[in-house]
Amino acid sequence: MFVKSSKSDEHAFYTICSADISILHGRLNDIKQYVETIKHVTLVKSRDEAKSITSFYGNDDLQIVGAEMLLASAVVEHNLPVAFKFY
């Protein structure tokens, strides 16, 4: 997704690649050229290949992970002390 760049009016910021792209010469043509670059193609490919959390955990495991997250957030939210004593 392209948004207005903070760099200048002659640039567009591409959120997927976190890059400012010069659109001074051809605007849409500059964007089309960028989309064909190795940097962009590699980032899109790696993003598509990224695994979701469900590929690492089964449905039963997700319930356990959810419970652990709730416990951890309650400890943080209420500033509860956690002390470990090793013998």
N, C-alpha and C. Protein backbone atom coordinates (compact mmCIF):
# COMPACT_ATOMS: atom_id res chain seq x y z
N MET A 1 0.84 -1.17 0.00
CA MET A 1 0.00 0.00 0.00
C MET A 1 0.89 1.24 0.00
N PHE A 2 0.59 2.15 -0.85
CA PHE A 2 1.33 3.39 -0.95
C PHE A 2 0.60 4.51 -0.20
N VAL A 3 1.37 5.29 0.55
CA VAL A 3 0.83 6.44 1.25
C VAL A 3 1.75 7.63 0.99
N LYS A 4 1.31 8.79 1.40
CA LYS A 4 2.12 9.99 1.19
C LYS A 4 3.40 9.89 2.01
N SER A 5 4.50 10.21 1.39
CA SER A 5 5.80 10.14 2.04
C SER A 5 6.07 11.40 2.85
N SER A 6 6.76 11.22 3.96
CA SER A 6 7.16 12.38 4.76
C SER A 6 8.43 13.01 4.20
N LYS A 7 9.05 12.34 3.25
CA LYS A 7 10.30 12.82 2.65
C LYS A 7 10.06 14.03 1.76
N SER A 8 9.11 13.93 0.83
CA SER A 8 8.77 15.05 -0.05
C SER A 8 7.53 14.68 -0.87
N ASP A 9 7.05 15.66 -1.64
CA ASP A 9 5.90 15.40 -2.52
C ASP A 9 6.29 14.57 -3.74
N GLU A 10 7.59 14.46 -3.99
CA GLU A 10 8.07 13.68 -5.13
C GLU A 10 8.33 12.22 -4.76
N HIS A 11 7.89 11.81 -3.56
CA HIS A 11 8.09 10.45 -3.11
C HIS A 11 6.77 9.86 -2.61
N ALA A 12 6.68 8.53 -2.72
CA ALA A 12 5.57 7.79 -2.14
C ALA A 12 6.18 6.78 -1.18
N PHE A 13 5.52 6.55 -0.05
CA PHE A 13 6.02 5.59 0.92
C PHE A 13 5.27 4.28 0.74
N TYR A 14 6.02 3.20 0.54
CA TYR A 14 5.43 1.88 0.35
C TYR A 14 5.50 1.14 1.67
N THR A 15 4.35 0.90 2.28
CA THR A 15 4.30 0.37 3.64
C THR A 15 4.82 -1.06 3.74
N ILE A 16 4.62 -1.87 2.73
CA ILE A 16 5.07 -3.27 2.79
C ILE A 16 6.59 -3.35 2.86
N CYS A 17 7.26 -2.55 2.07
CA CYS A 17 8.73 -2.58 2.03
C CYS A 17 9.35 -1.52 2.93
N SER A 18 8.55 -0.66 3.52
CA SER A 18 9.04 0.46 4.33
C SER A 18 10.07 1.28 3.56
N ALA A 19 9.70 1.65 2.36
CA ALA A 19 10.63 2.37 1.48
C ALA A 19 9.96 3.59 0.86
N ASP A 20 10.76 4.67 0.74
CA ASP A 20 10.32 5.85 0.01
C ASP A 20 10.75 5.68 -1.44
N ILE A 21 9.79 5.83 -2.33
CA ILE A 21 10.03 5.63 -3.76
C ILE A 21 9.85 6.95 -4.48
N SER A 22 10.83 7.28 -5.31
CA SER A 22 10.73 8.51 -6.08
C SER A 22 9.68 8.35 -7.17
N ILE A 23 8.76 9.31 -7.23
CA ILE A 23 7.73 9.30 -8.27
C ILE A 23 7.81 10.58 -9.09
N LEU A 24 9.00 11.16 -9.10
CA LEU A 24 9.21 12.45 -9.76
C LEU A 24 9.02 12.37 -11.27
N HIS A 25 9.46 11.29 -11.89
CA HIS A 25 9.47 11.24 -13.36
C HIS A 25 8.17 10.72 -13.96
N GLY A 26 7.74 9.55 -13.51
CA GLY A 26 6.61 8.96 -14.18
C GLY A 26 5.45 8.60 -13.30
N ARG A 27 5.51 8.95 -12.04
CA ARG A 27 4.48 8.63 -11.05
C ARG A 27 4.07 7.16 -11.10
N LEU A 28 3.02 6.80 -11.81
CA LEU A 28 2.54 5.43 -11.86
C LEU A 28 3.59 4.51 -12.47
N ASN A 29 4.28 4.97 -13.48
CA ASN A 29 5.33 4.17 -14.12
C ASN A 29 6.47 3.91 -13.13
N ASP A 30 6.81 4.90 -12.29
CA ASP A 30 7.85 4.70 -11.28
C ASP A 30 7.44 3.62 -10.29
N ILE A 31 6.18 3.60 -9.92
CA ILE A 31 5.68 2.58 -9.00
C ILE A 31 5.71 1.21 -9.67
N LYS A 32 5.30 1.13 -10.92
CA LYS A 32 5.34 -0.14 -11.65
C LYS A 32 6.76 -0.67 -11.73
N GLN A 33 7.73 0.22 -11.97
CA GLN A 33 9.13 -0.20 -12.03
C GLN A 33 9.60 -0.71 -10.67
N TYR A 34 9.19 -0.06 -9.59
CA TYR A 34 9.60 -0.50 -8.27
C TYR A 34 9.04 -1.87 -7.93
N VAL A 35 7.80 -2.12 -8.30
CA VAL A 35 7.16 -3.39 -8.01
C VAL A 35 7.90 -4.55 -8.67
N GLU A 36 8.63 -4.28 -9.73
CA GLU A 36 9.38 -5.32 -10.43
C GLU A 36 10.80 -5.50 -9.89
N THR A 37 11.22 -4.69 -8.90
CA THR A 37 12.58 -4.80 -8.38
C THR A 37 12.75 -6.06 -7.54
N ILE A 38 13.99 -6.48 -7.40
CA ILE A 38 14.30 -7.68 -6.62
C ILE A 38 13.93 -7.49 -5.16
N LYS A 39 14.17 -6.29 -4.63
CA LYS A 39 13.84 -6.02 -3.23
C LYS A 39 12.36 -6.26 -2.96
N HIS A 40 11.52 -5.69 -3.81
CA HIS A 40 10.08 -5.82 -3.62
C HIS A 40 9.64 -7.28 -3.78
N VAL A 41 10.09 -7.93 -4.82
CA VAL A 41 9.69 -9.32 -5.09
C VAL A 41 10.10 -10.22 -3.94
N THR A 42 11.30 -10.03 -3.41
CA THR A 42 11.79 -10.84 -2.30
C THR A 42 10.96 -10.62 -1.05
N LEU A 43 10.65 -9.36 -0.73
CA LEU A 43 9.85 -9.07 0.46
C LEU A 43 8.44 -9.64 0.36
N VAL A 44 7.83 -9.52 -0.79
CA VAL A 44 6.47 -10.06 -0.97
C VAL A 44 6.49 -11.58 -0.88
N LYS A 45 7.50 -12.20 -1.47
CA LYS A 45 7.60 -13.66 -1.43
C LYS A 45 7.80 -14.14 0.00
N SER A 46 8.67 -13.50 0.75
CA SER A 46 8.91 -13.92 2.14
C SER A 46 7.68 -13.68 3.00
N ARG A 47 6.95 -12.62 2.71
CA ARG A 47 5.73 -12.33 3.46
C ARG A 47 4.67 -13.39 3.19
N ASP A 48 4.57 -13.83 1.93
CA ASP A 48 3.60 -14.86 1.59
C ASP A 48 3.96 -16.21 2.19
N GLU A 49 5.28 -16.46 2.38
CA GLU A 49 5.72 -17.73 2.90
C GLU A 49 5.73 -17.77 4.43
N ALA A 50 5.50 -16.62 5.06
CA ALA A 50 5.51 -16.58 6.52
C ALA A 50 4.40 -17.47 7.06
N LYS A 51 4.73 -18.22 8.08
CA LYS A 51 3.76 -19.15 8.64
C LYS A 51 2.92 -18.46 9.69
N SER A 52 1.67 -18.85 9.75
CA SER A 52 0.78 -18.31 10.78
C SER A 52 0.97 -19.11 12.06
N ILE A 53 0.44 -18.62 13.15
CA ILE A 53 0.60 -19.28 14.44
C ILE A 53 -0.04 -20.66 14.44
N THR A 54 -1.08 -20.85 13.64
CA THR A 54 -1.75 -22.15 13.62
C THR A 54 -0.89 -23.23 12.98
N SER A 55 0.12 -22.84 12.19
CA SER A 55 0.99 -23.86 11.61
C SER A 55 2.00 -24.37 12.64
N PHE A 56 2.21 -23.61 13.72
CA PHE A 56 3.12 -24.03 14.77
C PHE A 56 2.40 -24.75 15.90
N TYR A 57 1.17 -24.40 16.13
CA TYR A 57 0.40 -24.97 17.22
C TYR A 57 -0.88 -25.59 16.69
N GLY A 58 -1.33 -26.65 17.34
CA GLY A 58 -2.63 -27.22 17.02
C GLY A 58 -3.72 -26.42 17.71
N ASN A 59 -4.98 -26.74 17.46
CA ASN A 59 -6.09 -26.02 18.08
C ASN A 59 -6.09 -26.16 19.60
N ASP A 60 -5.76 -27.36 20.10
CA ASP A 60 -5.70 -27.55 21.55
C ASP A 60 -4.58 -26.72 22.16
N ASP A 61 -3.46 -26.66 21.47
CA ASP A 61 -2.33 -25.87 21.96
C ASP A 61 -2.66 -24.38 21.99
N LEU A 62 -3.48 -23.92 21.07
CA LEU A 62 -3.85 -22.50 21.03
C LEU A 62 -4.63 -22.10 22.28
N GLN A 63 -5.44 -23.01 22.80
CA GLN A 63 -6.16 -22.72 24.04
C GLN A 63 -5.19 -22.59 25.21
N ILE A 64 -4.17 -23.42 25.23
CA ILE A 64 -3.16 -23.35 26.28
C ILE A 64 -2.37 -22.04 26.16
N VAL A 65 -1.96 -21.70 24.93
CA VAL A 65 -1.24 -20.46 24.70
C VAL A 65 -2.09 -19.26 25.12
N GLY A 66 -3.38 -19.30 24.81
CA GLY A 66 -4.29 -18.22 25.20
C GLY A 66 -4.38 -18.08 26.71
N ALA A 67 -4.46 -19.20 27.41
CA ALA A 67 -4.52 -19.17 28.87
C ALA A 67 -3.23 -18.61 29.46
N GLU A 68 -2.10 -19.01 28.89
CA GLU A 68 -0.81 -18.50 29.37
C GLU A 68 -0.69 -16.99 29.13
N MET A 69 -1.22 -16.54 28.00
CA MET A 69 -1.18 -15.10 27.70
C MET A 69 -2.06 -14.32 28.67
N LEU A 70 -3.23 -14.87 29.00
CA LEU A 70 -4.12 -14.21 29.96
C LEU A 70 -3.46 -14.11 31.34
N LEU A 71 -2.81 -15.19 31.77
CA LEU A 71 -2.14 -15.18 33.07
C LEU A 71 -1.01 -14.14 33.07
N ALA A 72 -0.19 -14.14 32.02
CA ALA A 72 0.92 -13.19 31.94
C ALA A 72 0.43 -11.75 31.91
N SER A 73 -0.64 -11.50 31.17
CA SER A 73 -1.16 -10.12 31.09
C SER A 73 -1.76 -9.68 32.43
N ALA A 74 -2.37 -10.62 33.18
CA ALA A 74 -2.92 -10.28 34.50
C ALA A 74 -1.79 -9.94 35.47
N VAL A 75 -0.70 -10.68 35.41
CA VAL A 75 0.46 -10.40 36.26
C VAL A 75 1.01 -9.01 35.96
N VAL A 76 1.14 -8.69 34.69
CA VAL A 76 1.67 -7.38 34.29
C VAL A 76 0.69 -6.27 34.63
N GLU A 77 -0.57 -6.45 34.32
CA GLU A 77 -1.58 -5.41 34.54
C GLU A 77 -1.71 -5.04 36.02
N HIS A 78 -1.64 -6.04 36.90
CA HIS A 78 -1.82 -5.79 38.32
C HIS A 78 -0.49 -5.64 39.07
N ASN A 79 0.60 -5.61 38.30
CA ASN A 79 1.94 -5.41 38.86
C ASN A 79 2.22 -6.39 40.00
N LEU A 80 1.90 -7.65 39.76
CA LEU A 80 2.09 -8.68 40.78
C LEU A 80 3.55 -9.11 40.82
N PRO A 81 4.10 -9.28 42.02
CA PRO A 81 5.50 -9.71 42.11
C PRO A 81 5.62 -11.20 41.76
N VAL A 82 6.67 -11.51 41.08
CA VAL A 82 6.94 -12.90 40.73
C VAL A 82 8.32 -13.21 41.29
N ALA A 83 8.39 -14.13 42.24
CA ALA A 83 9.66 -14.48 42.87
C ALA A 83 9.95 -15.96 42.63
N PHE A 84 11.16 -16.22 42.24
CA PHE A 84 11.61 -17.60 42.03
C PHE A 84 12.70 -17.88 43.05
N LYS A 85 12.59 -19.01 43.69
CA LYS A 85 13.59 -19.40 44.66
C LYS A 85 14.15 -20.75 44.25
N PHE A 86 15.41 -20.78 43.95
CA PHE A 86 16.05 -22.02 43.54
C PHE A 86 16.85 -22.56 44.72
N TYR A 87 16.69 -23.83 44.99
CA TYR A 87 17.42 -24.45 46.10
C TYR A 87 18.58 -25.22 45.59
